[in-house]
Amino acid sequence: MNYVVAVLPDRMQAEAAYSALEKEGLPDNQIDILGNGYKSADEYGLIDPNKQARKGAKRLIYWLIPLGFLAGYTFNFLTGIEILSAVGAFGNHIIGGLLGAISGALGAYFVGGAVGLTEGSGDALPYRNRLNAGKYLIVVKGTEELTRQATRVLRQFEPENLQGYTEPTGA
C-alpha cells in the first residue's frame, strides 16, 4: 500500500484539496482529512510516541531489574562492602542486589523510554505536532498510480509538506 500525506495550513485548503481529489475520480474511502473537526491522529492510527516509549521501557524492565539485582548482589558479595552492619553479610548482599535492581529499573525507564520516543514513532511525531498546531493533513492511500495522481493534484495547493510512503510488503 502506498500513502501520500500533505500538510495544509487551514481547513479551507484541506476541504478544497479533498474536493479536487474527488473531482479527479479518487475514491473518497481512500482519502482522509486529519485535523480539528475531522479524524484525530489517534482515530487514524498515527503512532503515539509516548506509547512507544512506555513499550520500550517495559520491554527492558523485564531484563534489567533481574540482571541489576544479580549484578548488585554479586558486586557486594565479591567486595564485601558493609552497607548496614546490623543485617550481616547475607543481608548486605540482598541490599546490594536491591540497589542493583533499582538501578536496572532506572536504566529501563530512561534508556528504553528514550529509544521508544525517538525511534519508535517515525514521522508520526512531526505530523502530530502539526495537527496540534492547527494544521490539517490530507492522507491518500492506494496503488502507486493512485498516489501519483493524488500528488499531482495536491501540489496545486502548495502544501507545507508533501510526503510519499510505501508500506513494506510482508514477503
C-alpha atoms as a PDB file:
ATOM      1  CA  MET A   1       0.000   0.000   0.000  1.00  0.00           C
ATOM      2  CA  ASN A   2       1.247   3.472  -0.874  1.00  0.00           C
ATOM      3  CA  TYR A   3       0.456   6.681   1.007  1.00  0.00           C
ATOM      4  CA  VAL A   4       0.718  10.393   0.274  1.00  0.00           C
ATOM      5  CA  VAL A   5       0.484  12.868   3.149  1.00  0.00           C
ATOM      6  CA  ALA A   6       0.034  16.586   2.526  1.00  0.00           C
ATOM      7  CA  VAL A   7       0.163  19.216   5.283  1.00  0.00           C
ATOM      8  CA  LEU A   8      -2.158  22.145   4.639  1.00  0.00           C
ATOM      9  CA  PRO A   9      -2.331  25.309   6.743  1.00  0.00           C
ATOM     10  CA  ASP A  10      -6.101  25.604   7.224  1.00  0.00           C
ATOM     11  CA  ARG A  11      -9.453  23.893   6.954  1.00  0.00           C
ATOM     12  CA  MET A  12     -10.487  25.727   3.784  1.00  0.00           C
ATOM     13  CA  GLN A  13      -7.481  24.483   1.832  1.00  0.00           C
ATOM     14  CA  ALA A  14      -7.912  20.964   3.222  1.00  0.00           C
ATOM     15  CA  GLU A  15     -11.546  20.849   2.105  1.00  0.00           C
ATOM     16  CA  ALA A  16     -10.657  22.332  -1.294  1.00  0.00           C
ATOM     17  CA  ALA A  17      -7.926  19.709  -1.764  1.00  0.00           C
ATOM     18  CA  TYR A  18     -10.324  16.934  -0.743  1.00  0.00           C
ATOM     19  CA  SER A  19     -12.893  18.184  -3.294  1.00  0.00           C
ATOM     20  CA  ALA A  20     -10.244  18.416  -6.020  1.00  0.00           C
ATOM     21  CA  LEU A  21      -9.154  14.824  -5.326  1.00  0.00           C
ATOM     22  CA  GLU A  22     -12.781  13.657  -5.562  1.00  0.00           C
ATOM     23  CA  LYS A  23     -13.232  15.544  -8.859  1.00  0.00           C
ATOM     24  CA  GLU A  24     -10.186  13.720 -10.240  1.00  0.00           C
ATOM     25  CA  GLY A  25     -12.009  10.460  -9.597  1.00  0.00           C
ATOM     26  CA  LEU A  26     -10.168   9.274  -6.481  1.00  0.00           C
ATOM     27  CA  PRO A  27     -12.453   7.138  -4.292  1.00  0.00           C
ATOM     28  CA  ASP A  28     -13.447   9.001  -1.125  1.00  0.00           C
ATOM     29  CA  ASN A  29     -12.810   5.914   1.016  1.00  0.00           C
ATOM     30  CA  GLN A  30      -9.100   6.265   0.177  1.00  0.00           C
ATOM     31  CA  ILE A  31      -8.858   9.939   1.153  1.00  0.00           C
ATOM     32  CA  ASP A  32      -8.797  11.105   4.766  1.00  0.00           C
ATOM     33  CA  ILE A  33      -8.623  14.527   6.370  1.00  0.00           C
ATOM     34  CA  LEU A  34      -6.964  14.746   9.765  1.00  0.00           C
ATOM     35  CA  GLY A  35      -7.384  17.840  11.882  1.00  0.00           C
ATOM     36  CA  ASN A  36      -9.810  19.776  14.021  1.00  0.00           C
ATOM     37  CA  GLY A  37     -13.345  18.666  13.146  1.00  0.00           C
ATOM     38  CA  TYR A  38     -12.131  15.601  11.244  1.00  0.00           C
ATOM     39  CA  LYS A  39     -10.254  12.467  12.249  1.00  0.00           C
ATOM     40  CA  SER A  40      -7.715  12.802  15.023  1.00  0.00           C
ATOM     41  CA  ALA A  41      -4.240  11.281  14.900  1.00  0.00           C
ATOM     42  CA  ASP A  42      -5.365   8.519  17.265  1.00  0.00           C
ATOM     43  CA  GLU A  43      -8.502   7.751  15.253  1.00  0.00           C
ATOM     44  CA  TYR A  44      -6.442   7.471  12.098  1.00  0.00           C
ATOM     45  CA  GLY A  45      -3.824   5.297  13.779  1.00  0.00           C
ATOM     46  CA  LEU A  46      -0.741   7.515  13.854  1.00  0.00           C
ATOM     47  CA  ILE A  47       1.678   6.039  16.382  1.00  0.00           C
ATOM     48  CA  ASP A  48       1.718   7.824  19.717  1.00  0.00           C
ATOM     49  CA  PRO A  49       5.389   8.316  20.651  1.00  0.00           C
ATOM     50  CA  ASN A  50       4.569   8.216  24.369  1.00  0.00           C
ATOM     51  CA  LYS A  51       3.056   4.750  23.988  1.00  0.00           C
ATOM     52  CA  GLN A  52       6.143   3.624  22.101  1.00  0.00           C
ATOM     53  CA  ALA A  53       8.352   4.983  24.904  1.00  0.00           C
ATOM     54  CA  ARG A  54       6.346   3.106  27.544  1.00  0.00           C
ATOM     55  CA  LYS A  55       6.523  -0.067  25.481  1.00  0.00           C
ATOM     56  CA  GLY A  56      10.304   0.278  25.104  1.00  0.00           C
ATOM     57  CA  ALA A  57      10.757   0.819  28.846  1.00  0.00           C
ATOM     58  CA  LYS A  58       8.500  -2.115  29.714  1.00  0.00           C
ATOM     59  CA  ARG A  59      10.391  -4.397  27.346  1.00  0.00           C
ATOM     60  CA  LEU A  60      13.708  -3.539  29.040  1.00  0.00           C
ATOM     61  CA  ILE A  61      12.362  -3.704  32.587  1.00  0.00           C
ATOM     62  CA  TYR A  62      11.909  -7.485  32.372  1.00  0.00           C
ATOM     63  CA  TRP A  63      15.625  -7.888  31.687  1.00  0.00           C
ATOM     64  CA  LEU A  64      17.298  -5.097  33.591  1.00  0.00           C
ATOM     65  CA  ILE A  65      15.686  -5.495  37.014  1.00  0.00           C
ATOM     66  CA  PRO A  66      16.704  -9.172  37.476  1.00  0.00           C
ATOM     67  CA  LEU A  67      20.134  -8.559  35.923  1.00  0.00           C
ATOM     68  CA  GLY A  68      20.596  -5.461  38.082  1.00  0.00           C
ATOM     69  CA  PHE A  69      19.723  -7.476  41.183  1.00  0.00           C
ATOM     70  CA  LEU A  70      22.177 -10.202  40.198  1.00  0.00           C
ATOM     71  CA  ALA A  71      24.922  -7.657  39.458  1.00  0.00           C
ATOM     72  CA  GLY A  72      24.348  -5.768  42.733  1.00  0.00           C
ATOM     73  CA  TYR A  73      24.295  -8.980  44.758  1.00  0.00           C
ATOM     74  CA  THR A  74      27.467 -10.275  43.062  1.00  0.00           C
ATOM     75  CA  PHE A  75      29.281  -6.959  43.445  1.00  0.00           C
ATOM     76  CA  ASN A  76      28.502  -6.835  47.154  1.00  0.00           C
ATOM     77  CA  PHE A  77      29.446 -10.496  47.572  1.00  0.00           C
ATOM     78  CA  LEU A  78      32.815 -10.005  45.859  1.00  0.00           C
ATOM     79  CA  THR A  79      33.742  -6.710  47.525  1.00  0.00           C
ATOM     80  CA  GLY A  80      32.330  -7.428  50.979  1.00  0.00           C
ATOM     81  CA  ILE A  81      31.151  -3.831  51.375  1.00  0.00           C
ATOM     82  CA  GLU A  82      29.169  -3.445  54.584  1.00  0.00           C
ATOM     83  CA  ILE A  83      26.092  -1.301  53.831  1.00  0.00           C
ATOM     84  CA  LEU A  84      24.355  -1.893  57.178  1.00  0.00           C
ATOM     85  CA  SER A  85      26.237  -3.597  59.982  1.00  0.00           C
ATOM     86  CA  ALA A  86      23.057  -4.806  61.713  1.00  0.00           C
ATOM     87  CA  VAL A  87      21.934  -7.166  58.899  1.00  0.00           C
ATOM     88  CA  GLY A  88      25.051  -9.279  58.498  1.00  0.00           C
ATOM     89  CA  ALA A  89      26.839 -10.380  55.331  1.00  0.00           C
ATOM     90  CA  PHE A  90      23.859 -12.057  53.608  1.00  0.00           C
ATOM     91  CA  GLY A  91      21.605  -9.071  54.354  1.00  0.00           C
ATOM     92  CA  ASN A  92      24.186  -6.738  52.842  1.00  0.00           C
ATOM     93  CA  HIS A  93      24.310  -8.882  49.700  1.00  0.00           C
ATOM     94  CA  ILE A  94      20.494  -8.657  49.424  1.00  0.00           C
ATOM     95  CA  ILE A  95      20.587  -4.873  49.921  1.00  0.00           C
ATOM     96  CA  GLY A  96      23.278  -4.651  47.225  1.00  0.00           C
ATOM     97  CA  GLY A  97      21.023  -6.695  44.938  1.00  0.00           C
ATOM     98  CA  LEU A  98      18.048  -4.430  45.649  1.00  0.00           C
ATOM     99  CA  LEU A  99      20.125  -1.360  44.857  1.00  0.00           C
ATOM    100  CA  GLY A 100      21.211  -3.039  41.604  1.00  0.00           C
ATOM    101  CA  ALA A 101      17.566  -3.810  40.762  1.00  0.00           C
ATOM    102  CA  ILE A 102      16.635  -0.158  41.341  1.00  0.00           C
ATOM    103  CA  SER A 103      19.471   0.874  39.035  1.00  0.00           C
ATOM    104  CA  GLY A 104      18.173  -1.574  36.415  1.00  0.00           C
ATOM    105  CA  ALA A 105      14.675  -0.089  36.677  1.00  0.00           C
ATOM    106  CA  LEU A 106      16.051   3.433  36.210  1.00  0.00           C
ATOM    107  CA  GLY A 107      18.079   2.287  33.215  1.00  0.00           C
ATOM    108  CA  ALA A 108      14.999   0.682  31.653  1.00  0.00           C
ATOM    109  CA  TYR A 109      12.956   3.820  32.234  1.00  0.00           C
ATOM    110  CA  PHE A 110      15.478   6.251  30.781  1.00  0.00           C
ATOM    111  CA  VAL A 111      17.084   4.200  28.031  1.00  0.00           C
ATOM    112  CA  GLY A 112      14.003   2.229  26.961  1.00  0.00           C
ATOM    113  CA  GLY A 113      11.815   5.314  27.112  1.00  0.00           C
ATOM    114  CA  ALA A 114      14.254   7.454  25.147  1.00  0.00           C
ATOM    115  CA  VAL A 115      14.720   4.832  22.442  1.00  0.00           C
ATOM    116  CA  GLY A 116      10.967   4.280  22.165  1.00  0.00           C
ATOM    117  CA  LEU A 117      10.353   8.012  21.996  1.00  0.00           C
ATOM    118  CA  THR A 118      12.974   8.739  19.342  1.00  0.00           C
ATOM    119  CA  GLU A 119      12.992   5.588  17.208  1.00  0.00           C
ATOM    120  CA  GLY A 120       9.502   4.156  17.559  1.00  0.00           C
ATOM    121  CA  SER A 121       7.417   6.979  16.184  1.00  0.00           C
ATOM    122  CA  GLY A 122       8.977   7.600  12.755  1.00  0.00           C
ATOM    123  CA  ASP A 123       7.278  10.551  11.055  1.00  0.00           C
ATOM    124  CA  ALA A 124       4.213  10.344  13.293  1.00  0.00           C
ATOM    125  CA  LEU A 125       5.563  12.852  15.825  1.00  0.00           C
ATOM    126  CA  PRO A 126       6.076  15.726  13.333  1.00  0.00           C
ATOM    127  CA  TYR A 127       2.595  15.083  11.928  1.00  0.00           C
ATOM    128  CA  ARG A 128       1.086  15.062  15.426  1.00  0.00           C
ATOM    129  CA  ASN A 129       2.857  18.336  16.175  1.00  0.00           C
ATOM    130  CA  ARG A 130       1.425  19.914  13.037  1.00  0.00           C
ATOM    131  CA  LEU A 131      -2.071  18.727  13.947  1.00  0.00           C
ATOM    132  CA  ASN A 132      -1.606  20.189  17.438  1.00  0.00           C
ATOM    133  CA  ALA A 133      -0.594  23.494  15.802  1.00  0.00           C
ATOM    134  CA  GLY A 134      -3.964  23.632  13.990  1.00  0.00           C
ATOM    135  CA  LYS A 135      -2.818  22.351  10.593  1.00  0.00           C
ATOM    136  CA  TYR A 136      -4.646  19.740   8.518  1.00  0.00           C
ATOM    137  CA  LEU A 137      -3.390  16.568   6.872  1.00  0.00           C
ATOM    138  CA  ILE A 138      -4.735  15.003   3.698  1.00  0.00           C
ATOM    139  CA  VAL A 139      -3.846  11.311   3.525  1.00  0.00           C
ATOM    140  CA  VAL A 140      -4.389   9.349   0.317  1.00  0.00           C
ATOM    141  CA  LYS A 141      -3.764   5.613   0.325  1.00  0.00           C
ATOM    142  CA  GLY A 142      -3.852   3.271  -2.623  1.00  0.00           C
ATOM    143  CA  THR A 143      -1.860   1.994  -5.539  1.00  0.00           C
ATOM    144  CA  GLU A 144       1.264   3.710  -6.810  1.00  0.00           C
ATOM    145  CA  GLU A 145      -0.679   5.122  -9.752  1.00  0.00           C
ATOM    146  CA  LEU A 146      -3.402   6.498  -7.465  1.00  0.00           C
ATOM    147  CA  THR A 147      -0.892   8.172  -5.141  1.00  0.00           C
ATOM    148  CA  ARG A 148       0.964   9.671  -8.112  1.00  0.00           C
ATOM    149  CA  GLN A 149      -2.311  11.138  -9.338  1.00  0.00           C
ATOM    150  CA  ALA A 150      -3.069  12.462  -5.838  1.00  0.00           C
ATOM    151  CA  THR A 151       0.401  14.016  -5.600  1.00  0.00           C
ATOM    152  CA  ARG A 152      -0.144  15.886  -8.854  1.00  0.00           C
ATOM    153  CA  VAL A 153      -3.489  17.257  -7.586  1.00  0.00           C
ATOM    154  CA  LEU A 154      -2.189  18.130  -4.114  1.00  0.00           C
ATOM    155  CA  ARG A 155       0.819  20.068  -5.478  1.00  0.00           C
ATOM    156  CA  GLN A 156      -1.624  22.647  -6.858  1.00  0.00           C
ATOM    157  CA  PHE A 157      -2.484  23.633  -3.267  1.00  0.00           C
ATOM    158  CA  GLU A 158       1.166  24.287  -2.352  1.00  0.00           C
ATOM    159  CA  PRO A 159       1.184  22.205   0.825  1.00  0.00           C
ATOM    160  CA  GLU A 160       3.728  22.899   3.562  1.00  0.00           C
ATOM    161  CA  ASN A 161       4.901  19.342   3.195  1.00  0.00           C
ATOM    162  CA  LEU A 162       4.075  16.581   0.720  1.00  0.00           C
ATOM    163  CA  GLN A 163       5.479  13.167   1.526  1.00  0.00           C
ATOM    164  CA  GLY A 164       5.000   9.757  -0.052  1.00  0.00           C
ATOM    165  CA  TYR A 165       5.348   6.439   1.771  1.00  0.00           C
ATOM    166  CA  THR A 166       5.397   2.827   0.669  1.00  0.00           C
ATOM    167  CA  GLU A 167       4.310   0.224   3.183  1.00  0.00           C
ATOM    168  CA  PRO A 168       6.734  -2.703   3.194  1.00  0.00           C
ATOM    169  CA  THR A 169       5.333  -5.979   1.949  1.00  0.00           C
ATOM    170  CA  GLY A 170       5.179  -8.972   4.248  1.00  0.00           C
ATOM    171  CA  ALA A 171       7.388 -11.150   1.981  1.00  0.00           C
END
